Amino acid sequence: MQSGGSHIDAIIRQEKRRIRDQILEMYIRNEVDRREAILFIPPGELRS
């Protein structure tokens, strides 16, 4: 069993991943500007 702290860390990492995925999909659909998307996604991972 994970300690409380590592369990919380895992949840936070998972939630950040979900946000990142949502932002990436919104960027691909042109719903989010590149300047906003790079706040959540490294510029090298964004398509031009």
N, C-alpha and C. Protein backbone atom coordinates (compact mmCIF):
# COMPACT_ATOMS: atom_id res chain seq x y z
N MET A 1 0.84 -1.19 0.00
CA MET A 1 0.00 0.00 0.00
C MET A 1 0.88 1.24 0.00
N GLN A 2 0.47 2.24 -0.75
CA GLN A 2 1.23 3.49 -0.83
C GLN A 2 1.00 4.32 0.42
N SER A 3 2.02 5.10 0.78
CA SER A 3 1.82 6.04 1.88
C SER A 3 0.86 7.12 1.40
N GLY A 4 0.25 7.84 2.34
CA GLY A 4 -0.70 8.89 1.99
C GLY A 4 -0.12 9.91 1.05
N GLY A 5 1.12 10.34 1.32
CA GLY A 5 1.75 11.36 0.48
C GLY A 5 1.96 10.91 -0.94
N SER A 6 2.45 9.68 -1.12
CA SER A 6 2.71 9.21 -2.49
C SER A 6 1.40 8.95 -3.23
N HIS A 7 0.37 8.56 -2.51
CA HIS A 7 -0.94 8.36 -3.15
C HIS A 7 -1.47 9.71 -3.66
N ILE A 8 -1.37 10.72 -2.84
CA ILE A 8 -1.81 12.06 -3.24
C ILE A 8 -0.99 12.55 -4.42
N ASP A 9 0.33 12.32 -4.38
CA ASP A 9 1.19 12.71 -5.50
C ASP A 9 0.75 12.03 -6.80
N ALA A 10 0.39 10.75 -6.71
CA ALA A 10 -0.05 10.01 -7.89
C ALA A 10 -1.34 10.61 -8.45
N ILE A 11 -2.26 10.98 -7.57
CA ILE A 11 -3.51 11.59 -8.01
C ILE A 11 -3.24 12.92 -8.69
N ILE A 12 -2.37 13.73 -8.11
CA ILE A 12 -2.05 15.04 -8.69
C ILE A 12 -1.41 14.86 -10.06
N ARG A 13 -0.48 13.92 -10.20
CA ARG A 13 0.15 13.66 -11.50
C ARG A 13 -0.89 13.24 -12.53
N GLN A 14 -1.82 12.38 -12.12
CA GLN A 14 -2.86 11.92 -13.04
C GLN A 14 -3.74 13.08 -13.47
N GLU A 15 -4.12 13.93 -12.55
CA GLU A 15 -4.97 15.07 -12.88
C GLU A 15 -4.25 16.05 -13.80
N LYS A 16 -2.96 16.29 -13.54
CA LYS A 16 -2.20 17.18 -14.42
C LYS A 16 -2.16 16.61 -15.83
N ARG A 17 -2.02 15.29 -15.92
CA ARG A 17 -1.98 14.63 -17.23
C ARG A 17 -3.31 14.84 -17.96
N ARG A 18 -4.41 14.71 -17.23
CA ARG A 18 -5.72 14.90 -17.85
C ARG A 18 -5.88 16.33 -18.36
N ILE A 19 -5.44 17.29 -17.57
CA ILE A 19 -5.53 18.69 -17.99
C ILE A 19 -4.68 18.91 -19.23
N ARG A 20 -3.46 18.36 -19.22
CA ARG A 20 -2.56 18.49 -20.37
C ARG A 20 -3.20 17.91 -21.62
N ASP A 21 -3.79 16.72 -21.49
CA ASP A 21 -4.44 16.08 -22.64
C ASP A 21 -5.61 16.91 -23.15
N GLN A 22 -6.38 17.48 -22.23
CA GLN A 22 -7.52 18.31 -22.63
C GLN A 22 -7.04 19.57 -23.36
N ILE A 23 -6.00 20.20 -22.84
CA ILE A 23 -5.46 21.41 -23.47
C ILE A 23 -4.93 21.07 -24.86
N LEU A 24 -4.22 19.95 -24.98
CA LEU A 24 -3.67 19.55 -26.28
C LEU A 24 -4.80 19.34 -27.29
N GLU A 25 -5.86 18.66 -26.89
CA GLU A 25 -6.98 18.45 -27.81
C GLU A 25 -7.64 19.77 -28.19
N MET A 26 -7.78 20.67 -27.23
CA MET A 26 -8.36 21.99 -27.52
C MET A 26 -7.47 22.77 -28.46
N TYR A 27 -6.15 22.66 -28.30
CA TYR A 27 -5.20 23.34 -29.18
C TYR A 27 -5.32 22.80 -30.60
N ILE A 28 -5.39 21.47 -30.73
CA ILE A 28 -5.51 20.85 -32.04
C ILE A 28 -6.78 21.31 -32.74
N ARG A 29 -7.86 21.50 -31.98
CA ARG A 29 -9.14 21.97 -32.55
C ARG A 29 -9.19 23.49 -32.68
N ASN A 30 -8.07 24.16 -32.44
CA ASN A 30 -7.99 25.63 -32.52
C ASN A 30 -8.92 26.33 -31.54
N GLU A 31 -9.17 25.71 -30.42
CA GLU A 31 -10.01 26.32 -29.39
C GLU A 31 -9.17 27.06 -28.34
N VAL A 32 -7.86 26.79 -28.34
CA VAL A 32 -6.93 27.42 -27.40
C VAL A 32 -5.76 27.97 -28.19
N ASP A 33 -5.38 29.19 -27.90
CA ASP A 33 -4.24 29.83 -28.55
C ASP A 33 -2.93 29.17 -28.11
N ARG A 34 -1.94 29.17 -28.99
CA ARG A 34 -0.64 28.57 -28.68
C ARG A 34 -0.04 29.17 -27.41
N ARG A 35 -0.17 30.49 -27.24
CA ARG A 35 0.39 31.16 -26.05
C ARG A 35 -0.22 30.61 -24.77
N GLU A 36 -1.48 30.24 -24.82
CA GLU A 36 -2.13 29.65 -23.65
C GLU A 36 -1.73 28.19 -23.48
N ALA A 37 -1.66 27.46 -24.58
CA ALA A 37 -1.35 26.04 -24.52
C ALA A 37 0.04 25.78 -23.94
N ILE A 38 1.02 26.64 -24.26
CA ILE A 38 2.38 26.39 -23.77
C ILE A 38 2.50 26.62 -22.26
N LEU A 39 1.47 27.13 -21.63
CA LEU A 39 1.47 27.21 -20.17
C LEU A 39 1.35 25.81 -19.56
N PHE A 40 0.79 24.87 -20.33
CA PHE A 40 0.55 23.52 -19.84
C PHE A 40 1.35 22.45 -20.58
N ILE A 41 1.78 22.78 -21.80
CA ILE A 41 2.45 21.80 -22.66
C ILE A 41 3.75 22.41 -23.17
N PRO A 42 4.87 21.68 -23.06
CA PRO A 42 6.13 22.21 -23.59
C PRO A 42 6.00 22.53 -25.08
N PRO A 43 6.56 23.68 -25.52
CA PRO A 43 6.42 24.10 -26.91
C PRO A 43 6.83 23.03 -27.92
N GLY A 44 7.82 22.22 -27.61
CA GLY A 44 8.27 21.19 -28.53
C GLY A 44 7.23 20.10 -28.79
N GLU A 45 6.25 19.98 -27.90
CA GLU A 45 5.22 18.96 -28.06
C GLU A 45 4.01 19.47 -28.84
N LEU A 46 3.96 20.77 -29.09
CA LEU A 46 2.83 21.33 -29.83
C LEU A 46 3.11 21.30 -31.32
N ARG A 47 2.11 20.95 -32.07
CA ARG A 47 2.25 21.00 -33.53
C ARG A 47 2.14 22.44 -33.98
N SER A 48 2.86 22.77 -35.02
CA SER A 48 2.80 24.13 -35.58
C SER A 48 1.60 24.30 -36.47
